[in-house]
Amino acid sequence: MAAGRIVVTGATGFIGRHVVERLARDGRVLTLTVRDPQVCPDVWRQNANIAIIAVPDLTRADALMPALDDATTVVHLAGLAHMAQADAADAEAQFSRANVETTRALADAASQAGVSAFVNLSSLAAITSNATDATIDDRSEAPPDTAYGRSKRAAEAHVADMAAAGAFAVSLRPPLVVGPEAGGNWALLQRLAASGMPLPFASIANRRSFVGVGTLCEAISALISQKPDPRLSGSYCIADEETLSLPDVVGELRRGMGMSPRMFGCPPAVFAALGQLTGRRRQFAGLTGNLRVDASRFLSTFGFKPATPIRDAIRESGAGYLAARRKTPSSASA
């Protein structure tokens, strides 16, 4: 088992909070690098195994060195995944600073500190668009077609440099991550499901891969629980083995919310036309197109088997989302 202190960046984000909770349950000794310690839950501050360090600028290796004192492992979750449409003009620069420069600085600092294991959260966007009829696996190396994807691909190169220098360094490439607090298309799907309105998705027969946030946390825990082996370094796709259609997803979300599926048929071509007319072609493709992921290399290399099937994770997400809305009714109209 890998021992020692684990540094987690991006601890207060959607995935970061789940990872910290999982590692804390595992009894790990953690250092969390955050911009503002005040946003951390009280339970973290009260945990003797958790140190919280303010690091306002993750792009400076020298600023990161104090957080890496006595650390053997880094779990790098910080980064930018979504931005408002108004900010898109300088998307390349924003994504580069948030995802590439921070990873470069952290990898450099970790190497200087003698960190032996580095787990980086990348994205499937580093090697594919958000809809394709080809099955994506670790041999897929299509040029990314978004600023976000390009930044994640470039960040992976800095992780690979650590591996070349002898560390166990892994980049994980998940598809859409399922969880009550997730953003992007998953937040949209949950809002649609929670509306209770009949939805025109019954005729969509696409197949897409997903991964539950709990499964992603399990995978990270499994990676840092083993003895670091640089020979196993690299970039890995990670996803649940079952693929689902859009009607499957909405149906499971609504079951988790205690609702019936309530869907009717509409020609798929209508969605393509709507995407074109509204300027949201990528978003519509991300809901109605195919995106199948073969994560067998990760599963076999690390002997990993998710504990929670994706359908269960989706129902849990729906239940959690609805429960959170009921606690804060004003969010329903936001």
Protein backbone atom coordinates (compact mmCIF):
# COMPACT_ATOMS: atom_id res chain seq x y z
CA MET A 1 0.00 0.00 0.00
CA ALA A 2 1.24 3.48 -0.84
CA ALA A 3 1.82 5.37 2.41
CA GLY A 4 2.37 8.96 3.41
CA ARG A 5 0.66 12.28 2.97
CA ILE A 6 -1.60 12.86 -0.05
CA VAL A 7 -1.93 16.34 -1.54
CA VAL A 8 -5.29 17.04 -3.20
CA THR A 9 -5.86 20.05 -5.44
CA GLY A 10 -9.35 21.18 -6.40
CA ALA A 11 -10.70 19.77 -3.15
CA THR A 12 -13.72 22.08 -3.00
CA GLY A 13 -14.96 21.32 -6.52
CA PHE A 14 -17.67 18.84 -7.45
CA ILE A 15 -15.36 15.85 -7.85
CA GLY A 16 -12.86 17.11 -5.28
CA ARG A 17 -15.37 17.07 -2.44
CA HIS A 18 -16.28 13.47 -3.18
CA VAL A 19 -12.62 12.44 -3.42
CA VAL A 20 -11.74 14.09 -0.11
CA GLU A 21 -14.69 12.41 1.61
CA ARG A 22 -13.64 9.03 0.21
CA LEU A 23 -9.99 9.40 1.19
CA ALA A 24 -10.95 10.70 4.64
CA ARG A 25 -13.13 7.60 5.15
CA ASP A 26 -10.11 5.53 4.12
CA GLY A 27 -8.16 7.14 6.98
CA ARG A 28 -5.71 8.93 4.68
CA VAL A 29 -3.51 11.81 5.80
CA LEU A 30 -4.36 14.70 3.49
CA THR A 31 -3.19 18.17 2.57
CA LEU A 32 -5.78 20.17 0.66
CA THR A 33 -4.64 23.13 -1.44
CA VAL A 34 -7.50 25.62 -1.82
CA ARG A 35 -7.88 29.27 -2.75
CA ASP A 36 -10.09 30.04 0.24
CA PRO A 37 -10.00 27.74 3.29
CA GLN A 38 -13.25 29.30 4.54
CA VAL A 39 -15.26 27.38 1.93
CA CYS A 40 -14.09 24.02 3.31
CA PRO A 41 -16.67 22.11 5.38
CA ASP A 42 -16.26 22.24 9.16
CA VAL A 43 -15.85 18.46 9.28
CA TRP A 44 -12.63 18.81 7.27
CA ARG A 45 -11.23 21.43 9.63
CA GLN A 46 -12.01 19.21 12.60
CA ASN A 47 -10.29 16.16 11.13
CA ALA A 48 -6.79 15.75 12.56
CA ASN A 49 -5.73 13.92 9.38
CA ILE A 50 -6.54 16.91 7.14
CA ALA A 51 -4.36 19.98 6.71
CA ILE A 52 -5.79 22.86 4.68
CA ILE A 53 -3.38 25.25 2.99
CA ALA A 54 -4.32 28.40 1.08
CA VAL A 55 -2.60 28.47 -2.32
CA PRO A 56 -4.15 31.32 -4.34
CA ASP A 57 -2.00 30.69 -7.43
CA LEU A 58 -1.44 27.10 -8.53
CA THR A 59 0.65 28.19 -11.51
CA ARG A 60 3.70 28.93 -9.33
CA ALA A 61 5.80 25.90 -8.41
CA ASP A 62 7.51 27.80 -5.57
CA ALA A 63 4.14 28.59 -3.98
CA LEU A 64 3.23 24.90 -4.08
CA MET A 65 6.37 23.58 -2.39
CA PRO A 66 5.20 24.13 1.25
CA ALA A 67 2.04 22.10 0.55
CA LEU A 68 4.14 19.21 -0.77
CA ASP A 69 6.24 18.91 2.37
CA ASP A 70 6.31 15.24 3.44
CA ALA A 71 3.96 14.25 0.60
CA THR A 72 4.31 10.98 -1.29
CA THR A 73 1.25 11.32 -3.54
CA VAL A 74 -0.57 14.07 -5.44
CA VAL A 75 -4.17 13.87 -6.66
CA HIS A 76 -4.62 16.75 -9.08
CA LEU A 77 -8.28 17.69 -9.55
CA ALA A 78 -8.07 21.47 -9.89
CA GLY A 79 -8.90 22.98 -13.24
CA LEU A 80 -11.46 24.70 -15.42
CA ALA A 81 -14.15 22.64 -17.16
CA HIS A 82 -16.93 25.14 -17.92
CA MET A 83 -17.12 28.84 -18.66
CA ALA A 84 -19.86 31.34 -19.42
CA GLN A 85 -20.53 32.05 -23.08
CA ALA A 86 -19.48 35.66 -22.53
CA ASP A 87 -15.97 34.51 -21.60
CA ALA A 88 -15.48 32.31 -24.63
CA ALA A 89 -13.48 34.90 -26.61
CA ASP A 90 -10.33 34.12 -24.67
CA ALA A 91 -11.18 30.49 -23.95
CA GLU A 92 -7.80 29.17 -25.11
CA ALA A 93 -5.94 31.46 -22.69
CA GLN A 94 -8.25 30.74 -19.76
CA PHE A 95 -8.19 26.98 -20.22
CA SER A 96 -4.44 27.01 -20.77
CA ARG A 97 -3.78 28.90 -17.55
CA ALA A 98 -6.22 26.87 -15.45
CA ASN A 99 -5.40 23.42 -16.82
CA VAL A 100 -1.98 23.47 -18.47
CA GLU A 101 0.02 25.94 -16.41
CA THR A 102 -1.28 24.59 -13.09
CA THR A 103 -0.44 21.01 -14.06
CA ARG A 104 3.02 22.02 -15.26
CA ALA A 105 3.74 23.90 -12.02
CA LEU A 106 2.39 21.12 -9.83
CA ALA A 107 4.28 18.40 -11.71
CA ASP A 108 7.50 20.42 -11.46
CA ALA A 109 7.00 21.02 -7.74
CA ALA A 110 6.06 17.38 -7.12
CA SER A 111 9.19 16.20 -8.90
CA GLN A 112 11.34 18.54 -6.82
CA ALA A 113 9.64 17.30 -3.64
CA GLY A 114 10.28 13.64 -4.52
CA VAL A 115 6.61 12.70 -4.87
CA SER A 116 6.39 9.08 -6.06
CA ALA A 117 2.75 8.94 -7.28
CA PHE A 118 0.79 11.53 -9.27
CA VAL A 119 -2.84 11.08 -10.35
CA ASN A 120 -4.19 13.70 -12.74
CA LEU A 121 -7.86 14.10 -13.64
CA SER A 122 -7.96 14.65 -17.39
CA SER A 123 -10.96 14.16 -19.68
CA LEU A 124 -12.14 12.14 -22.63
CA ALA A 125 -12.23 15.50 -24.42
CA ALA A 126 -8.43 15.21 -24.69
CA ILE A 127 -8.82 12.52 -27.37
CA THR A 128 -12.28 12.86 -28.92
CA SER A 129 -15.24 15.10 -29.58
CA ASN A 130 -18.39 14.74 -27.51
CA ALA A 131 -20.10 12.54 -30.12
CA THR A 132 -18.62 9.87 -32.39
CA ASP A 133 -19.69 6.52 -33.78
CA ALA A 134 -16.22 5.04 -33.12
CA THR A 135 -15.55 3.27 -29.83
CA ILE A 136 -12.99 5.28 -27.84
CA ASP A 137 -10.19 3.50 -26.00
CA ASP A 138 -6.61 4.20 -24.93
CA ARG A 139 -5.39 3.87 -28.52
CA SER A 140 -7.61 6.76 -29.63
CA GLU A 141 -5.53 9.84 -30.31
CA ALA A 142 -7.76 12.13 -32.38
CA PRO A 143 -6.84 15.81 -32.06
CA PRO A 144 -9.11 17.47 -29.47
CA ASP A 145 -11.60 19.87 -31.05
CA THR A 146 -12.23 22.27 -28.15
CA ALA A 147 -10.10 24.66 -26.10
CA TYR A 148 -10.91 22.56 -23.06
CA GLY A 149 -9.84 19.32 -24.76
CA ARG A 150 -6.63 20.88 -26.06
CA SER A 151 -5.75 22.12 -22.58
CA LYS A 152 -6.33 18.68 -21.07
CA ARG A 153 -4.19 17.02 -23.75
CA ALA A 154 -1.37 19.49 -23.11
CA ALA A 155 -1.66 18.98 -19.35
CA GLU A 156 -1.27 15.23 -19.82
CA ALA A 157 2.13 15.85 -21.43
CA HIS A 158 3.43 17.33 -18.16
CA VAL A 159 2.21 14.27 -16.28
CA ALA A 160 3.96 12.08 -18.84
CA ASP A 161 7.19 13.99 -18.14
CA MET A 162 6.93 12.90 -14.50
CA ALA A 163 6.54 9.29 -15.61
CA ALA A 164 9.59 9.63 -17.85
CA ALA A 165 11.54 10.82 -14.81
CA GLY A 166 10.59 7.66 -12.86
CA ALA A 167 7.38 8.51 -10.99
CA PHE A 168 4.11 6.58 -11.14
CA ALA A 169 2.08 9.17 -13.03
CA VAL A 170 -1.42 8.55 -14.38
CA SER A 171 -3.96 10.71 -16.21
CA LEU A 172 -7.57 9.51 -16.03
CA ARG A 173 -9.89 10.28 -18.96
CA PRO A 174 -13.54 10.04 -17.85
CA PRO A 175 -16.61 10.83 -19.98
CA LEU A 176 -19.52 12.76 -18.43
CA VAL A 177 -19.36 12.28 -14.64
CA VAL A 178 -22.64 11.45 -12.89
CA GLY A 179 -23.42 13.11 -9.56
CA PRO A 180 -26.05 15.39 -8.00
CA GLU A 181 -23.82 18.48 -8.06
CA ALA A 182 -22.30 17.95 -11.52
CA GLY A 183 -22.37 20.81 -14.03
CA GLY A 184 -22.58 20.94 -17.82
CA ASN A 185 -24.86 18.55 -19.66
CA TRP A 186 -25.47 16.47 -16.56
CA ALA A 187 -26.90 19.49 -14.74
CA LEU A 188 -29.15 20.11 -17.74
CA LEU A 189 -30.39 16.51 -17.77
CA GLN A 190 -31.17 16.64 -14.07
CA ARG A 191 -33.10 19.90 -14.46
CA LEU A 192 -35.11 18.43 -17.34
CA ALA A 193 -35.85 15.25 -15.40
CA ALA A 194 -36.85 17.18 -12.27
CA SER A 195 -39.27 19.35 -14.27
CA GLY A 196 -41.69 16.42 -14.47
CA MET A 197 -42.71 17.49 -17.98
CA PRO A 198 -43.12 14.88 -20.75
CA LEU A 199 -39.85 14.90 -22.71
CA PRO A 200 -39.40 14.15 -26.46
CA PHE A 201 -36.60 11.61 -26.10
CA ALA A 202 -38.28 8.22 -26.54
CA SER A 203 -37.11 7.75 -30.15
CA ILE A 204 -33.42 8.47 -29.50
CA ALA A 205 -31.47 5.21 -29.72
CA ASN A 206 -27.96 6.49 -29.05
CA ARG A 207 -25.38 4.78 -26.81
CA ARG A 208 -23.18 6.75 -24.45
CA SER A 209 -20.73 5.93 -21.69
CA PHE A 210 -20.78 7.56 -18.27
CA VAL A 211 -18.97 7.19 -14.98
CA GLY A 212 -20.41 7.75 -11.51
CA VAL A 213 -18.54 10.15 -9.25
CA GLY A 214 -18.37 7.38 -6.64
CA THR A 215 -16.72 5.06 -9.14
CA LEU A 216 -14.21 7.75 -10.07
CA CYS A 217 -13.36 8.18 -6.37
CA GLU A 218 -12.99 4.40 -6.01
CA ALA A 219 -10.61 4.34 -8.96
CA ILE A 220 -8.45 7.11 -7.51
CA SER A 221 -8.40 5.39 -4.14
CA ALA A 222 -7.36 2.12 -5.82
CA LEU A 223 -4.54 3.82 -7.73
CA ILE A 224 -2.99 5.38 -4.64
CA SER A 225 -3.51 2.28 -2.50
CA GLN A 226 -1.02 0.20 -4.44
CA LYS A 227 2.74 0.34 -4.49
CA PRO A 228 3.72 2.97 -7.08
CA ASP A 229 4.89 1.22 -10.25
CA PRO A 230 6.21 3.61 -12.93
CA ARG A 231 5.76 0.88 -15.54
CA LEU A 232 1.99 1.32 -15.20
CA SER A 233 2.10 5.07 -15.83
CA GLY A 234 0.12 6.55 -18.69
CA SER A 235 -3.26 7.92 -19.73
CA TYR A 236 -6.30 5.71 -19.18
CA CYS A 237 -9.94 5.93 -20.22
CA ILE A 238 -12.28 5.21 -17.34
CA ALA A 239 -16.02 4.58 -17.70
CA ASP A 240 -18.71 2.17 -16.65
CA GLU A 241 -18.94 -0.90 -18.86
CA GLU A 242 -22.64 -0.42 -19.68
CA THR A 243 -23.61 2.19 -22.27
CA LEU A 244 -26.99 3.90 -22.07
CA SER A 245 -29.36 5.76 -24.39
CA LEU A 246 -30.77 9.18 -23.56
CA PRO A 247 -34.18 7.61 -22.71
CA ASP A 248 -32.35 5.17 -20.39
CA VAL A 249 -30.67 8.06 -18.59
CA VAL A 250 -33.77 10.19 -18.17
CA GLY A 251 -35.76 7.15 -17.08
CA GLU A 252 -33.24 6.23 -14.38
CA LEU A 253 -32.98 9.83 -13.18
CA ARG A 254 -36.74 10.03 -12.82
CA ARG A 255 -36.90 6.69 -11.04
CA GLY A 256 -34.41 8.09 -8.54
CA MET A 257 -36.65 11.13 -8.20
CA GLY A 258 -39.71 8.93 -7.62
CA MET A 259 -41.26 9.80 -11.00
CA SER A 260 -42.38 7.83 -14.04
CA PRO A 261 -40.23 8.22 -17.20
CA ARG A 262 -42.89 10.28 -19.14
CA MET A 263 -41.29 10.44 -22.60
CA PHE A 264 -42.68 10.59 -26.12
CA GLY A 265 -41.11 10.13 -29.53
CA CYS A 266 -39.65 12.85 -31.75
CA PRO A 267 -37.50 12.34 -34.89
CA PRO A 268 -33.79 12.60 -34.00
CA ALA A 269 -33.26 14.95 -36.96
CA VAL A 270 -35.28 17.57 -35.09
CA PHE A 271 -32.64 17.74 -32.36
CA ALA A 272 -29.85 18.20 -34.89
CA ALA A 273 -31.81 21.04 -36.49
CA LEU A 274 -32.49 22.68 -33.12
CA GLY A 275 -28.82 22.48 -32.24
CA GLN A 276 -27.91 24.18 -35.50
CA LEU A 277 -30.55 26.90 -35.14
CA THR A 278 -29.72 27.73 -31.52
CA GLY A 279 -25.93 27.57 -31.87
CA ARG A 280 -25.81 24.67 -29.43
CA ARG A 281 -24.89 21.90 -31.83
CA ARG A 282 -22.23 20.48 -29.50
CA GLN A 283 -24.57 20.45 -26.53
CA PHE A 284 -27.31 18.65 -28.48
CA ALA A 285 -24.76 16.18 -29.88
CA GLY A 286 -23.53 15.54 -26.35
CA LEU A 287 -27.03 14.46 -25.39
CA THR A 288 -28.27 12.64 -28.50
CA GLY A 289 -25.08 11.38 -30.19
CA ASN A 290 -23.02 8.25 -29.54
CA LEU A 291 -19.96 8.13 -27.29
CA ARG A 292 -18.92 4.58 -26.34
CA VAL A 293 -15.82 4.11 -24.20
CA ASP A 294 -13.79 0.94 -23.77
CA ALA A 295 -12.07 1.21 -20.37
CA SER A 296 -10.92 -2.42 -20.30
CA ARG A 297 -7.22 -1.50 -20.20
CA PHE A 298 -7.67 0.40 -16.91
CA LEU A 299 -9.88 -2.31 -15.44
CA SER A 300 -7.45 -5.12 -16.27
CA THR A 301 -4.22 -3.24 -15.47
CA PHE A 302 -5.33 -2.29 -11.98
CA GLY A 303 -7.77 -5.15 -11.29
CA PHE A 304 -10.53 -2.62 -10.78
CA LYS A 305 -14.26 -3.37 -10.68
CA PRO A 306 -16.73 -0.60 -9.84
CA ALA A 307 -18.91 -1.30 -6.83
CA THR A 308 -21.89 0.71 -8.10
CA PRO A 309 -23.42 0.02 -11.54
CA ILE A 310 -24.04 3.16 -13.58
CA ARG A 311 -27.82 2.79 -13.46
CA ASP A 312 -27.68 2.80 -9.66
CA ALA A 313 -25.38 5.82 -9.73
CA ILE A 314 -27.83 7.70 -11.97
CA ARG A 315 -30.78 6.93 -9.70
CA GLU A 316 -28.73 8.07 -6.68
CA SER A 317 -27.81 11.24 -8.53
CA GLY A 318 -31.43 12.00 -9.32
CA ALA A 319 -32.48 11.41 -5.72
CA GLY A 320 -29.66 13.59 -4.42
CA TYR A 321 -30.40 16.37 -6.88
CA LEU A 322 -34.08 16.47 -5.99
CA ALA A 323 -33.32 16.38 -2.25
CA ALA A 324 -30.96 19.35 -2.63
CA ARG A 325 -33.58 21.33 -4.56
CA ARG A 326 -36.14 20.71 -1.86
CA LYS A 327 -33.75 22.08 0.76
CA THR A 328 -33.23 25.24 -1.30
CA PRO A 329 -36.52 25.95 -3.11
CA SER A 330 -35.21 29.20 -4.60
CA SER A 331 -32.80 27.19 -6.74
CA ALA A 332 -35.71 25.79 -8.73
CA SER A 333 -36.33 29.19 -10.30
CA ALA A 334 -32.71 30.21 -10.66
